[in-house]
N, C-alpha and C. Protein backbone atom coordinates (compact mmCIF):
# COMPACT_ATOMS: atom_id res chain seq x y z
N UNK A 1 -14.49 -16.83 -44.06
CA UNK A 1 -13.54 -17.33 -43.05
C UNK A 1 -14.32 -17.81 -41.83
N UNK A 2 -14.10 -19.02 -41.40
CA UNK A 2 -14.87 -19.59 -40.31
C UNK A 2 -14.50 -18.99 -38.97
N UNK A 3 -15.50 -18.93 -38.09
CA UNK A 3 -15.25 -18.36 -36.76
C UNK A 3 -14.37 -19.26 -35.91
N UNK A 4 -14.24 -20.55 -36.33
CA UNK A 4 -13.42 -21.48 -35.55
C UNK A 4 -11.96 -21.09 -35.48
N UNK A 5 -11.52 -20.27 -36.48
CA UNK A 5 -10.12 -19.85 -36.49
C UNK A 5 -9.80 -18.95 -35.30
N UNK A 6 -10.86 -18.29 -34.75
CA UNK A 6 -10.62 -17.34 -33.67
C UNK A 6 -10.90 -17.93 -32.30
N UNK A 7 -11.28 -19.23 -32.25
CA UNK A 7 -11.54 -19.85 -30.97
C UNK A 7 -10.24 -20.32 -30.33
N UNK A 8 -10.14 -20.08 -29.03
CA UNK A 8 -8.96 -20.55 -28.30
C UNK A 8 -9.24 -21.93 -27.73
N UNK A 9 -8.26 -22.80 -27.88
CA UNK A 9 -8.41 -24.14 -27.32
C UNK A 9 -8.31 -24.07 -25.81
N UNK A 10 -9.31 -24.57 -25.07
CA UNK A 10 -9.25 -24.53 -23.61
C UNK A 10 -8.10 -25.37 -23.09
N UNK A 11 -7.46 -24.89 -22.01
CA UNK A 11 -6.35 -25.64 -21.44
C UNK A 11 -6.86 -26.85 -20.67
N UNK A 12 -6.17 -27.95 -20.79
CA UNK A 12 -6.54 -29.15 -20.04
C UNK A 12 -6.11 -28.98 -18.58
N UNK A 13 -6.71 -29.81 -17.70
CA UNK A 13 -6.34 -29.75 -16.29
C UNK A 13 -4.87 -30.12 -16.09
N UNK A 14 -4.38 -31.04 -16.91
CA UNK A 14 -2.97 -31.42 -16.82
C UNK A 14 -2.07 -30.24 -17.15
N UNK A 15 -2.45 -29.47 -18.19
CA UNK A 15 -1.64 -28.32 -18.57
C UNK A 15 -1.70 -27.22 -17.51
N UNK A 16 -2.90 -27.02 -16.93
CA UNK A 16 -3.03 -26.01 -15.87
C UNK A 16 -2.15 -26.38 -14.68
N UNK A 17 -2.16 -27.67 -14.31
CA UNK A 17 -1.32 -28.14 -13.19
C UNK A 17 0.16 -27.97 -13.51
N UNK A 18 0.54 -28.33 -14.73
CA UNK A 18 1.94 -28.21 -15.14
C UNK A 18 2.40 -26.76 -15.10
N UNK A 19 1.53 -25.83 -15.55
CA UNK A 19 1.91 -24.42 -15.58
C UNK A 19 1.93 -23.82 -14.18
N UNK A 20 1.22 -24.44 -13.24
CA UNK A 20 1.31 -23.97 -11.85
C UNK A 20 2.70 -24.23 -11.30
N UNK A 21 3.26 -25.41 -11.61
CA UNK A 21 4.61 -25.74 -11.12
C UNK A 21 5.70 -25.14 -11.99
N UNK A 22 5.40 -24.93 -13.28
CA UNK A 22 6.39 -24.30 -14.16
C UNK A 22 5.63 -23.44 -15.17
N UNK A 23 5.50 -22.12 -14.88
CA UNK A 23 4.70 -21.24 -15.73
C UNK A 23 5.22 -21.20 -17.15
N UNK A 24 4.33 -20.86 -18.07
CA UNK A 24 4.71 -20.72 -19.46
C UNK A 24 5.76 -19.60 -19.57
N UNK A 25 6.90 -19.90 -20.14
CA UNK A 25 7.98 -18.92 -20.23
C UNK A 25 8.99 -19.07 -19.11
N UNK A 26 8.69 -19.90 -18.10
CA UNK A 26 9.65 -20.13 -17.02
C UNK A 26 9.43 -19.20 -15.84
N UNK A 27 10.04 -19.58 -14.71
CA UNK A 27 9.90 -18.79 -13.49
C UNK A 27 10.57 -17.43 -13.60
N UNK A 28 11.66 -17.34 -14.38
CA UNK A 28 12.35 -16.06 -14.52
C UNK A 28 11.43 -15.03 -15.18
N UNK A 29 10.75 -15.46 -16.23
CA UNK A 29 9.85 -14.55 -16.93
C UNK A 29 8.66 -14.18 -16.05
N UNK A 30 8.12 -15.18 -15.31
CA UNK A 30 6.99 -14.90 -14.42
C UNK A 30 7.39 -13.91 -13.33
N UNK A 31 8.58 -14.10 -12.75
CA UNK A 31 9.04 -13.16 -11.72
C UNK A 31 9.25 -11.77 -12.31
N UNK A 32 9.79 -11.71 -13.51
CA UNK A 32 9.99 -10.42 -14.17
C UNK A 32 8.68 -9.69 -14.40
N UNK A 33 7.64 -10.45 -14.77
CA UNK A 33 6.33 -9.83 -14.99
C UNK A 33 5.78 -9.24 -13.69
N UNK A 34 5.89 -10.00 -12.59
CA UNK A 34 5.40 -9.52 -11.30
C UNK A 34 6.15 -8.26 -10.88
N UNK A 35 7.48 -8.27 -11.01
CA UNK A 35 8.28 -7.09 -10.63
C UNK A 35 7.90 -5.90 -11.50
N UNK A 36 7.69 -6.12 -12.79
CA UNK A 36 7.29 -5.03 -13.69
C UNK A 36 5.96 -4.42 -13.25
N UNK A 37 4.99 -5.28 -12.91
CA UNK A 37 3.68 -4.78 -12.47
C UNK A 37 3.79 -4.01 -11.16
N UNK A 38 4.63 -4.50 -10.26
CA UNK A 38 4.79 -3.84 -8.96
C UNK A 38 5.39 -2.44 -9.12
N UNK A 39 6.38 -2.31 -9.99
CA UNK A 39 7.05 -1.03 -10.17
C UNK A 39 6.12 0.01 -10.79
N UNK A 40 5.15 -0.42 -11.60
CA UNK A 40 4.30 0.51 -12.33
C UNK A 40 2.98 0.81 -11.62
N UNK A 41 2.83 0.32 -10.39
CA UNK A 41 1.60 0.60 -9.67
C UNK A 41 1.52 2.10 -9.35
N UNK A 42 0.35 2.72 -9.53
CA UNK A 42 0.20 4.16 -9.29
C UNK A 42 -0.04 4.47 -7.82
N UNK A 43 0.98 4.37 -7.01
CA UNK A 43 0.87 4.63 -5.58
C UNK A 43 2.24 5.01 -5.05
N UNK A 44 2.31 5.73 -3.93
CA UNK A 44 3.61 6.08 -3.36
C UNK A 44 4.42 4.83 -3.01
N UNK A 45 5.74 4.91 -3.07
CA UNK A 45 6.57 3.73 -2.80
C UNK A 45 6.32 3.08 -1.45
N UNK A 46 6.05 3.88 -0.41
CA UNK A 46 5.88 3.27 0.91
C UNK A 46 4.60 2.43 0.97
N UNK A 47 3.56 2.83 0.24
CA UNK A 47 2.32 2.04 0.23
C UNK A 47 2.50 0.75 -0.58
N UNK A 48 3.20 0.84 -1.69
CA UNK A 48 3.47 -0.36 -2.50
C UNK A 48 4.33 -1.33 -1.70
N UNK A 49 5.34 -0.81 -1.01
CA UNK A 49 6.24 -1.67 -0.24
C UNK A 49 5.52 -2.31 0.94
N UNK A 50 4.58 -1.59 1.54
CA UNK A 50 3.78 -2.20 2.61
C UNK A 50 2.95 -3.36 2.07
N UNK A 51 2.39 -3.16 0.88
CA UNK A 51 1.64 -4.24 0.26
C UNK A 51 2.51 -5.44 -0.03
N UNK A 52 3.71 -5.19 -0.54
CA UNK A 52 4.65 -6.29 -0.82
C UNK A 52 4.98 -7.04 0.48
N UNK A 53 5.22 -6.29 1.55
CA UNK A 53 5.53 -6.92 2.84
C UNK A 53 4.38 -7.81 3.30
N UNK A 54 3.15 -7.33 3.12
CA UNK A 54 1.97 -8.11 3.52
C UNK A 54 1.88 -9.41 2.72
N UNK A 55 2.10 -9.32 1.40
CA UNK A 55 2.03 -10.51 0.56
C UNK A 55 3.10 -11.52 0.89
N UNK A 56 4.31 -11.06 1.15
CA UNK A 56 5.41 -11.98 1.50
C UNK A 56 5.13 -12.63 2.85
N UNK A 57 4.65 -11.84 3.82
CA UNK A 57 4.34 -12.40 5.14
C UNK A 57 3.31 -13.52 5.05
N UNK A 58 2.27 -13.32 4.26
CA UNK A 58 1.19 -14.30 4.15
C UNK A 58 1.71 -15.63 3.59
N UNK A 59 2.77 -15.58 2.80
CA UNK A 59 3.32 -16.81 2.22
C UNK A 59 3.86 -17.77 3.29
N UNK A 60 4.06 -17.26 4.51
CA UNK A 60 4.56 -18.09 5.60
C UNK A 60 3.43 -18.62 6.48
N UNK A 61 2.20 -18.51 6.01
CA UNK A 61 1.06 -19.04 6.74
C UNK A 61 0.50 -20.26 6.01
N UNK A 62 -0.19 -21.15 6.72
CA UNK A 62 -0.76 -22.33 6.08
C UNK A 62 -2.16 -22.10 5.53
N UNK A 63 -2.50 -20.83 5.28
CA UNK A 63 -3.85 -20.49 4.81
C UNK A 63 -3.94 -20.63 3.29
N UNK A 64 -3.62 -21.80 2.78
CA UNK A 64 -3.62 -22.02 1.34
C UNK A 64 -5.03 -21.88 0.79
N UNK A 65 -5.14 -21.20 -0.33
CA UNK A 65 -6.44 -20.90 -0.90
C UNK A 65 -6.99 -19.58 -0.42
N UNK A 66 -6.39 -19.03 0.67
CA UNK A 66 -6.84 -17.76 1.21
C UNK A 66 -5.71 -16.73 1.23
N UNK A 67 -4.60 -17.03 0.58
CA UNK A 67 -3.46 -16.11 0.60
C UNK A 67 -3.82 -14.76 -0.01
N UNK A 68 -4.52 -14.74 -1.15
CA UNK A 68 -4.88 -13.47 -1.78
C UNK A 68 -5.73 -12.64 -0.83
N UNK A 69 -6.77 -13.27 -0.27
CA UNK A 69 -7.69 -12.55 0.61
C UNK A 69 -6.98 -12.07 1.87
N UNK A 70 -6.18 -12.94 2.49
CA UNK A 70 -5.47 -12.57 3.72
C UNK A 70 -4.48 -11.44 3.45
N UNK A 71 -3.74 -11.52 2.34
CA UNK A 71 -2.79 -10.46 2.01
C UNK A 71 -3.51 -9.13 1.79
N UNK A 72 -4.66 -9.17 1.11
CA UNK A 72 -5.42 -7.95 0.85
C UNK A 72 -5.92 -7.34 2.15
N UNK A 73 -6.39 -8.17 3.08
CA UNK A 73 -6.89 -7.65 4.37
C UNK A 73 -5.75 -7.01 5.17
N UNK A 74 -4.60 -7.69 5.23
CA UNK A 74 -3.47 -7.13 5.97
C UNK A 74 -3.00 -5.83 5.33
N UNK A 75 -2.92 -5.81 3.99
CA UNK A 75 -2.51 -4.59 3.31
C UNK A 75 -3.48 -3.44 3.61
N UNK A 76 -4.76 -3.74 3.64
CA UNK A 76 -5.75 -2.72 3.96
C UNK A 76 -5.55 -2.19 5.38
N UNK A 77 -5.27 -3.09 6.32
CA UNK A 77 -5.11 -2.69 7.72
C UNK A 77 -3.87 -1.84 7.93
N UNK A 78 -2.80 -2.12 7.18
CA UNK A 78 -1.55 -1.35 7.37
C UNK A 78 -1.42 -0.24 6.31
N UNK A 79 -2.52 0.01 5.59
CA UNK A 79 -2.55 1.07 4.57
C UNK A 79 -1.52 0.84 3.48
N UNK A 80 -1.44 -0.39 3.04
CA UNK A 80 -0.57 -0.72 1.92
C UNK A 80 -1.37 -0.88 0.65
N UNK A 81 -0.69 -1.04 -0.45
CA UNK A 81 -1.35 -1.23 -1.74
C UNK A 81 -1.86 -2.66 -1.84
N UNK A 82 -3.16 -2.82 -2.03
CA UNK A 82 -3.77 -4.14 -2.02
C UNK A 82 -3.32 -4.97 -3.22
N UNK A 83 -3.26 -4.36 -4.41
CA UNK A 83 -2.82 -5.12 -5.58
C UNK A 83 -1.38 -5.58 -5.42
N UNK A 84 -0.54 -4.74 -4.81
CA UNK A 84 0.86 -5.13 -4.56
C UNK A 84 0.92 -6.34 -3.62
N UNK A 85 0.04 -6.37 -2.62
CA UNK A 85 0.04 -7.50 -1.68
C UNK A 85 -0.35 -8.79 -2.39
N UNK A 86 -1.32 -8.71 -3.30
CA UNK A 86 -1.75 -9.91 -4.04
C UNK A 86 -0.62 -10.39 -4.97
N UNK A 87 0.01 -9.45 -5.67
CA UNK A 87 1.11 -9.82 -6.56
C UNK A 87 2.28 -10.42 -5.78
N UNK A 88 2.52 -9.91 -4.57
CA UNK A 88 3.67 -10.37 -3.79
C UNK A 88 3.48 -11.78 -3.24
N UNK A 89 2.25 -12.30 -3.24
CA UNK A 89 2.07 -13.69 -2.81
C UNK A 89 2.73 -14.65 -3.79
N UNK A 90 3.18 -14.14 -4.93
CA UNK A 90 3.97 -14.95 -5.87
C UNK A 90 5.23 -15.48 -5.18
N UNK A 91 5.66 -14.82 -4.11
CA UNK A 91 6.84 -15.28 -3.36
C UNK A 91 6.63 -16.71 -2.86
N UNK A 92 5.39 -17.05 -2.54
CA UNK A 92 5.08 -18.42 -2.14
C UNK A 92 4.70 -19.24 -3.36
N UNK A 93 5.60 -20.03 -3.85
CA UNK A 93 5.37 -20.82 -5.07
C UNK A 93 5.96 -22.21 -4.87
N UNK A 94 5.74 -23.12 -5.81
CA UNK A 94 6.25 -24.49 -5.62
C UNK A 94 7.75 -24.59 -5.40
N UNK A 95 8.51 -23.54 -5.77
CA UNK A 95 9.95 -23.58 -5.55
C UNK A 95 10.32 -23.20 -4.11
N UNK A 96 9.56 -22.26 -3.52
CA UNK A 96 9.87 -21.80 -2.16
C UNK A 96 9.07 -22.53 -1.10
N UNK A 97 7.94 -23.14 -1.49
CA UNK A 97 7.09 -23.80 -0.49
C UNK A 97 7.83 -24.84 0.34
N UNK A 98 8.63 -25.73 -0.25
CA UNK A 98 9.31 -26.73 0.59
C UNK A 98 10.18 -26.09 1.68
N UNK A 99 10.90 -25.03 1.35
CA UNK A 99 11.75 -24.37 2.35
C UNK A 99 10.91 -23.69 3.41
N UNK A 100 9.87 -22.97 2.98
CA UNK A 100 9.01 -22.25 3.94
C UNK A 100 8.32 -23.24 4.88
N UNK A 101 7.78 -24.31 4.31
CA UNK A 101 7.06 -25.29 5.12
C UNK A 101 7.99 -25.96 6.14
N UNK A 102 9.15 -26.39 5.70
CA UNK A 102 10.11 -27.05 6.60
C UNK A 102 10.50 -26.12 7.74
N UNK A 103 10.84 -24.87 7.39
CA UNK A 103 11.29 -23.92 8.41
C UNK A 103 10.17 -23.60 9.39
N UNK A 104 8.98 -23.30 8.86
CA UNK A 104 7.86 -22.88 9.73
C UNK A 104 7.43 -24.01 10.66
N UNK A 105 7.27 -25.21 10.12
CA UNK A 105 6.79 -26.32 10.96
C UNK A 105 7.84 -26.74 11.98
N UNK A 106 9.11 -26.70 11.61
CA UNK A 106 10.17 -27.05 12.56
C UNK A 106 10.21 -26.06 13.72
N UNK A 107 10.13 -24.76 13.40
CA UNK A 107 10.12 -23.75 14.46
C UNK A 107 8.87 -23.87 15.32
N UNK A 108 7.71 -24.05 14.66
CA UNK A 108 6.47 -24.16 15.41
C UNK A 108 6.46 -25.38 16.33
N UNK A 109 6.98 -26.51 15.85
CA UNK A 109 7.04 -27.71 16.69
C UNK A 109 7.94 -27.48 17.90
N UNK A 110 9.04 -26.77 17.68
CA UNK A 110 9.95 -26.47 18.79
C UNK A 110 9.27 -25.58 19.82
N UNK A 111 8.56 -24.54 19.35
CA UNK A 111 7.86 -23.63 20.27
C UNK A 111 6.75 -24.35 21.03
N UNK A 112 6.08 -25.31 20.39
CA UNK A 112 4.93 -25.98 21.00
C UNK A 112 5.31 -27.26 21.73
N UNK A 113 6.60 -27.58 21.75
CA UNK A 113 7.05 -28.77 22.46
C UNK A 113 6.68 -30.07 21.77
N UNK A 114 6.54 -30.04 20.45
CA UNK A 114 6.20 -31.23 19.69
C UNK A 114 7.47 -31.83 19.07
N UNK A 115 7.47 -33.11 18.76
CA UNK A 115 8.64 -33.70 18.09
C UNK A 115 8.82 -33.12 16.69
N UNK A 116 10.06 -32.89 16.32
CA UNK A 116 10.36 -32.29 15.01
C UNK A 116 10.57 -33.44 14.02
N UNK A 117 9.48 -34.01 13.58
CA UNK A 117 9.55 -35.17 12.69
C UNK A 117 8.64 -35.02 11.48
N UNK A 118 8.12 -33.81 11.26
CA UNK A 118 7.26 -33.57 10.10
C UNK A 118 8.07 -32.87 9.03
N UNK A 119 8.44 -33.62 8.01
CA UNK A 119 9.19 -33.06 6.88
C UNK A 119 8.31 -33.08 5.64
N UNK A 120 8.86 -32.66 4.52
CA UNK A 120 8.02 -32.43 3.34
C UNK A 120 7.14 -33.63 2.96
N UNK A 121 7.67 -34.87 2.91
CA UNK A 121 6.78 -36.00 2.56
C UNK A 121 5.63 -36.16 3.56
N UNK A 122 5.93 -36.03 4.87
CA UNK A 122 4.89 -36.17 5.88
C UNK A 122 3.89 -34.99 5.82
N UNK A 123 4.40 -33.80 5.49
CA UNK A 123 3.52 -32.63 5.38
C UNK A 123 2.53 -32.82 4.24
N UNK A 124 3.03 -33.28 3.09
CA UNK A 124 2.16 -33.51 1.94
C UNK A 124 1.14 -34.59 2.24
N UNK A 125 1.58 -35.67 2.93
CA UNK A 125 0.65 -36.74 3.31
C UNK A 125 -0.43 -36.22 4.25
N UNK A 126 -0.04 -35.35 5.18
CA UNK A 126 -1.02 -34.79 6.13
C UNK A 126 -2.05 -33.92 5.43
N UNK A 127 -1.58 -33.11 4.46
CA UNK A 127 -2.51 -32.31 3.68
C UNK A 127 -3.47 -33.21 2.92
N UNK A 128 -2.95 -34.26 2.30
CA UNK A 128 -3.80 -35.19 1.56
C UNK A 128 -4.80 -35.88 2.46
N UNK A 129 -4.35 -36.29 3.66
CA UNK A 129 -5.25 -36.94 4.60
C UNK A 129 -6.36 -36.02 5.07
N UNK A 130 -6.02 -34.75 5.33
CA UNK A 130 -7.03 -33.78 5.76
C UNK A 130 -8.07 -33.56 4.67
N UNK A 131 -7.62 -33.41 3.43
CA UNK A 131 -8.56 -33.24 2.32
C UNK A 131 -9.43 -34.48 2.15
N UNK A 132 -8.81 -35.65 2.34
CA UNK A 132 -9.58 -36.89 2.25
C UNK A 132 -10.66 -36.97 3.32
N UNK A 133 -10.31 -36.54 4.54
CA UNK A 133 -11.29 -36.52 5.63
C UNK A 133 -12.45 -35.59 5.30
N UNK A 134 -12.14 -34.40 4.80
CA UNK A 134 -13.19 -33.45 4.46
C UNK A 134 -14.14 -34.03 3.41
N UNK A 135 -13.57 -34.66 2.39
CA UNK A 135 -14.40 -35.24 1.33
C UNK A 135 -15.24 -36.40 1.86
N UNK A 136 -14.61 -37.30 2.62
CA UNK A 136 -15.32 -38.47 3.12
C UNK A 136 -16.43 -38.07 4.09
N UNK A 137 -16.12 -37.13 5.01
CA UNK A 137 -17.11 -36.75 6.01
C UNK A 137 -18.24 -35.91 5.43
N UNK A 138 -17.94 -35.16 4.39
CA UNK A 138 -19.02 -34.44 3.70
C UNK A 138 -19.96 -35.43 3.04
N UNK A 139 -19.38 -36.45 2.43
CA UNK A 139 -20.20 -37.49 1.80
C UNK A 139 -20.98 -38.29 2.84
N UNK A 140 -20.37 -38.46 4.04
CA UNK A 140 -21.01 -39.26 5.09
C UNK A 140 -22.30 -38.61 5.58
N UNK A 141 -22.41 -37.27 5.43
CA UNK A 141 -23.63 -36.60 5.86
C UNK A 141 -24.84 -37.03 5.05
N UNK A 142 -24.61 -37.56 3.87
CA UNK A 142 -25.72 -37.94 2.99
C UNK A 142 -25.80 -39.47 2.79
N UNK A 143 -24.98 -40.21 3.55
CA UNK A 143 -24.98 -41.67 3.45
C UNK A 143 -25.00 -42.27 4.85
N UNK A 144 -24.89 -43.58 4.92
CA UNK A 144 -24.86 -44.28 6.22
C UNK A 144 -23.45 -44.42 6.77
N UNK A 145 -22.46 -43.87 6.07
CA UNK A 145 -21.07 -43.98 6.53
C UNK A 145 -20.86 -43.13 7.78
N UNK A 146 -19.93 -43.57 8.62
CA UNK A 146 -19.64 -42.88 9.88
C UNK A 146 -18.45 -41.94 9.67
N UNK A 147 -18.64 -40.68 10.07
CA UNK A 147 -17.58 -39.67 9.90
C UNK A 147 -16.40 -39.98 10.81
N UNK A 148 -15.22 -39.73 10.31
CA UNK A 148 -13.99 -39.95 11.08
C UNK A 148 -13.08 -38.75 10.83
N UNK A 149 -12.77 -38.00 11.89
CA UNK A 149 -11.98 -36.78 11.75
C UNK A 149 -10.53 -36.97 12.19
N UNK A 150 -10.07 -38.21 12.24
CA UNK A 150 -8.72 -38.50 12.74
C UNK A 150 -7.63 -37.82 11.93
N UNK A 151 -7.70 -37.93 10.60
CA UNK A 151 -6.67 -37.34 9.76
C UNK A 151 -6.68 -35.81 9.85
N UNK A 152 -7.87 -35.23 9.92
CA UNK A 152 -7.96 -33.78 10.02
C UNK A 152 -7.43 -33.29 11.36
N UNK A 153 -7.71 -34.04 12.43
CA UNK A 153 -7.18 -33.69 13.75
C UNK A 153 -5.67 -33.78 13.75
N UNK A 154 -5.14 -34.84 13.14
CA UNK A 154 -3.68 -35.00 13.04
C UNK A 154 -3.08 -33.83 12.26
N UNK A 155 -3.71 -33.46 11.15
CA UNK A 155 -3.22 -32.34 10.34
C UNK A 155 -3.23 -31.04 11.13
N UNK A 156 -4.33 -30.78 11.84
CA UNK A 156 -4.46 -29.53 12.58
C UNK A 156 -3.41 -29.44 13.69
N UNK A 157 -3.18 -30.56 14.39
CA UNK A 157 -2.27 -30.55 15.53
C UNK A 157 -0.81 -30.58 15.13
N UNK A 158 -0.46 -31.36 14.09
CA UNK A 158 0.95 -31.57 13.77
C UNK A 158 1.44 -30.73 12.61
N UNK A 159 0.52 -30.17 11.80
CA UNK A 159 0.95 -29.38 10.64
C UNK A 159 0.42 -27.95 10.72
N UNK A 160 -0.89 -27.80 10.78
CA UNK A 160 -1.47 -26.46 10.67
C UNK A 160 -1.02 -25.54 11.80
N UNK A 161 -1.18 -25.96 13.06
CA UNK A 161 -0.82 -25.09 14.18
C UNK A 161 0.69 -24.83 14.26
N UNK A 162 1.55 -25.86 14.14
CA UNK A 162 2.99 -25.56 14.11
C UNK A 162 3.38 -24.65 12.95
N UNK A 163 2.76 -24.88 11.79
CA UNK A 163 3.02 -24.03 10.61
C UNK A 163 2.62 -22.58 10.91
N UNK A 164 1.44 -22.40 11.50
CA UNK A 164 0.95 -21.06 11.81
C UNK A 164 1.82 -20.36 12.83
N UNK A 165 2.16 -21.07 13.91
CA UNK A 165 2.97 -20.48 14.99
C UNK A 165 4.41 -20.25 14.51
N UNK A 166 4.98 -21.24 13.85
CA UNK A 166 6.37 -21.13 13.44
C UNK A 166 6.59 -20.19 12.28
N UNK A 167 5.56 -19.90 11.49
CA UNK A 167 5.73 -19.01 10.35
C UNK A 167 5.67 -17.53 10.69
N UNK A 168 5.26 -17.20 11.93
CA UNK A 168 5.09 -15.79 12.28
C UNK A 168 6.42 -15.02 12.25
N UNK A 169 7.42 -15.53 12.95
CA UNK A 169 8.70 -14.80 13.02
C UNK A 169 9.42 -14.73 11.67
N UNK A 170 9.62 -15.86 10.98
CA UNK A 170 10.27 -15.75 9.66
C UNK A 170 9.42 -14.96 8.67
N UNK A 171 8.09 -15.03 8.80
CA UNK A 171 7.22 -14.25 7.92
C UNK A 171 7.38 -12.76 8.15
N UNK A 172 7.43 -12.37 9.43
CA UNK A 172 7.64 -10.95 9.75
C UNK A 172 9.02 -10.50 9.27
N UNK A 173 10.02 -11.35 9.48
CA UNK A 173 11.37 -11.01 9.04
C UNK A 173 11.45 -10.85 7.53
N UNK A 174 10.87 -11.81 6.81
CA UNK A 174 10.89 -11.74 5.34
C UNK A 174 10.09 -10.53 4.84
N UNK A 175 8.97 -10.22 5.51
CA UNK A 175 8.18 -9.06 5.12
C UNK A 175 8.94 -7.76 5.32
N UNK A 176 9.67 -7.65 6.44
CA UNK A 176 10.46 -6.44 6.70
C UNK A 176 11.60 -6.30 5.70
N UNK A 177 12.23 -7.42 5.37
CA UNK A 177 13.30 -7.38 4.37
C UNK A 177 12.73 -6.95 3.02
N UNK A 178 11.57 -7.52 2.65
CA UNK A 178 10.93 -7.17 1.38
C UNK A 178 10.59 -5.68 1.34
N UNK A 179 10.11 -5.16 2.46
CA UNK A 179 9.79 -3.73 2.53
C UNK A 179 11.06 -2.89 2.37
N UNK A 180 12.10 -3.25 3.12
CA UNK A 180 13.34 -2.47 3.07
C UNK A 180 14.02 -2.50 1.71
N UNK A 181 13.93 -3.63 1.01
CA UNK A 181 14.57 -3.73 -0.30
C UNK A 181 13.73 -3.08 -1.40
N UNK A 182 12.43 -3.22 -1.32
CA UNK A 182 11.57 -2.75 -2.42
C UNK A 182 11.33 -1.25 -2.41
N UNK A 183 11.28 -0.63 -1.25
CA UNK A 183 10.94 0.79 -1.20
C UNK A 183 11.93 1.67 -1.97
N UNK A 184 13.25 1.58 -1.73
CA UNK A 184 14.16 2.43 -2.49
C UNK A 184 14.18 2.11 -3.98
N UNK A 185 13.99 0.83 -4.34
CA UNK A 185 13.97 0.46 -5.75
C UNK A 185 12.76 1.08 -6.45
N UNK A 186 11.59 0.98 -5.82
CA UNK A 186 10.38 1.55 -6.41
C UNK A 186 10.47 3.07 -6.46
N UNK A 187 11.04 3.66 -5.41
CA UNK A 187 11.19 5.13 -5.38
C UNK A 187 12.10 5.60 -6.53
N UNK A 188 13.22 4.90 -6.73
CA UNK A 188 14.14 5.28 -7.81
C UNK A 188 13.49 5.08 -9.17
N UNK A 189 12.75 3.99 -9.33
CA UNK A 189 12.08 3.73 -10.61
C UNK A 189 11.04 4.80 -10.91
N UNK A 190 10.25 5.17 -9.90
CA UNK A 190 9.22 6.18 -10.12
C UNK A 190 9.83 7.53 -10.45
N UNK A 191 10.92 7.90 -9.79
CA UNK A 191 11.58 9.18 -10.09
C UNK A 191 12.13 9.17 -11.52
N UNK A 192 12.74 8.07 -11.92
CA UNK A 192 13.28 7.96 -13.27
C UNK A 192 12.14 8.01 -14.30
N UNK A 193 11.04 7.39 -14.01
CA UNK A 193 9.90 7.37 -14.94
C UNK A 193 9.29 8.77 -15.06
N UNK A 194 9.15 9.46 -13.92
CA UNK A 194 8.62 10.83 -13.97
C UNK A 194 9.54 11.74 -14.76
N UNK A 195 10.86 11.54 -14.58
CA UNK A 195 11.83 12.35 -15.31
C UNK A 195 11.72 12.11 -16.81
N UNK A 196 11.54 10.85 -17.22
CA UNK A 196 11.38 10.54 -18.64
C UNK A 196 10.10 11.13 -19.20
N UNK A 197 9.02 11.03 -18.44
CA UNK A 197 7.75 11.58 -18.90
C UNK A 197 7.83 13.11 -19.04
N UNK A 198 8.53 13.75 -18.08
CA UNK A 198 8.68 15.20 -18.14
C UNK A 198 9.52 15.62 -19.34
N UNK A 199 10.61 14.86 -19.59
CA UNK A 199 11.46 15.17 -20.74
C UNK A 199 10.68 14.98 -22.04
N UNK A 200 9.85 13.94 -22.11
CA UNK A 200 9.05 13.68 -23.30
C UNK A 200 8.03 14.80 -23.52
N UNK A 201 7.43 15.25 -22.40
CA UNK A 201 6.45 16.33 -22.49
C UNK A 201 7.10 17.63 -22.94
N UNK A 202 8.28 17.95 -22.37
CA UNK A 202 8.97 19.18 -22.74
C UNK A 202 9.41 19.13 -24.21
N UNK A 203 9.82 17.95 -24.67
CA UNK A 203 10.23 17.80 -26.07
C UNK A 203 9.03 18.01 -26.99
N UNK A 204 7.88 17.48 -26.60
CA UNK A 204 6.69 17.64 -27.41
C UNK A 204 6.23 19.10 -27.44
N UNK A 205 6.31 19.78 -26.31
CA UNK A 205 5.92 21.18 -26.25
C UNK A 205 6.86 22.06 -27.06
N UNK A 206 8.18 21.71 -27.03
CA UNK A 206 9.15 22.48 -27.81
C UNK A 206 8.89 22.31 -29.30
N UNK A 207 8.57 21.07 -29.72
CA UNK A 207 8.28 20.82 -31.13
C UNK A 207 7.03 21.58 -31.55
N UNK A 208 6.02 21.64 -30.68
CA UNK A 208 4.80 22.38 -31.00
C UNK A 208 5.08 23.87 -31.11
N UNK A 209 5.95 24.37 -30.22
CA UNK A 209 6.29 25.80 -30.28
C UNK A 209 7.03 26.13 -31.57
N UNK A 210 7.94 25.25 -32.00
CA UNK A 210 8.65 25.47 -33.25
C UNK A 210 7.69 25.45 -34.44
N UNK A 211 6.71 24.54 -34.39
CA UNK A 211 5.73 24.46 -35.47
C UNK A 211 4.88 25.72 -35.53
N UNK A 212 4.49 26.23 -34.34
CA UNK A 212 3.69 27.44 -34.30
C UNK A 212 4.50 28.66 -34.82
N UNK A 213 5.81 28.69 -34.48
CA UNK A 213 6.65 29.81 -34.90
C UNK A 213 6.88 29.79 -36.43
N UNK A 214 6.87 28.58 -37.00
CA UNK A 214 7.12 28.46 -38.44
C UNK A 214 5.90 28.86 -39.27
N UNK A 215 4.73 28.89 -38.68
CA UNK A 215 3.52 29.26 -39.43
C UNK A 215 3.45 30.76 -39.71
């Protein structure tokens, strides 16, 4: 039997991108998996819920690419479960991002006295322009091209800072709600699981006692 039968076909970049926007099995299944993992974490409910709050809060920041690290640091500082914080960043996904971005940037622009004219198409264009500036200016360091930071400056002033400032309050609110909702659920699940494990153990011990008595 050839070893090729056991090789897994590597996923294409197109498939990886598609699964980012729509995971294999659908968002319902992906959410169910995350909730299942959160409930089974070996930690007290209050620590798991603090981690969940940290992960949800981070989803309201523009620190894309650093959400896992930022959530883990915040969870560590507030003595929450670090793995729970990383799992909870699932709250920020392609389905919720448009709402979070619109809300955060609109609030931040209002607080900073900026015009409220950055909506999802303009936000995506600003992200693309900033990435383009980074790529072009990095290349310019090794060529005769002249660096231009205009797009990155526009992104920082009109998207990043309003997003950061405006996401604080809704992020804190969402984190507190996540903490308040998850703690009793996790507590009830852990109590029910301990009860099942105890009943299983007592049943096994009773069966062993009966076997010993029959000998």
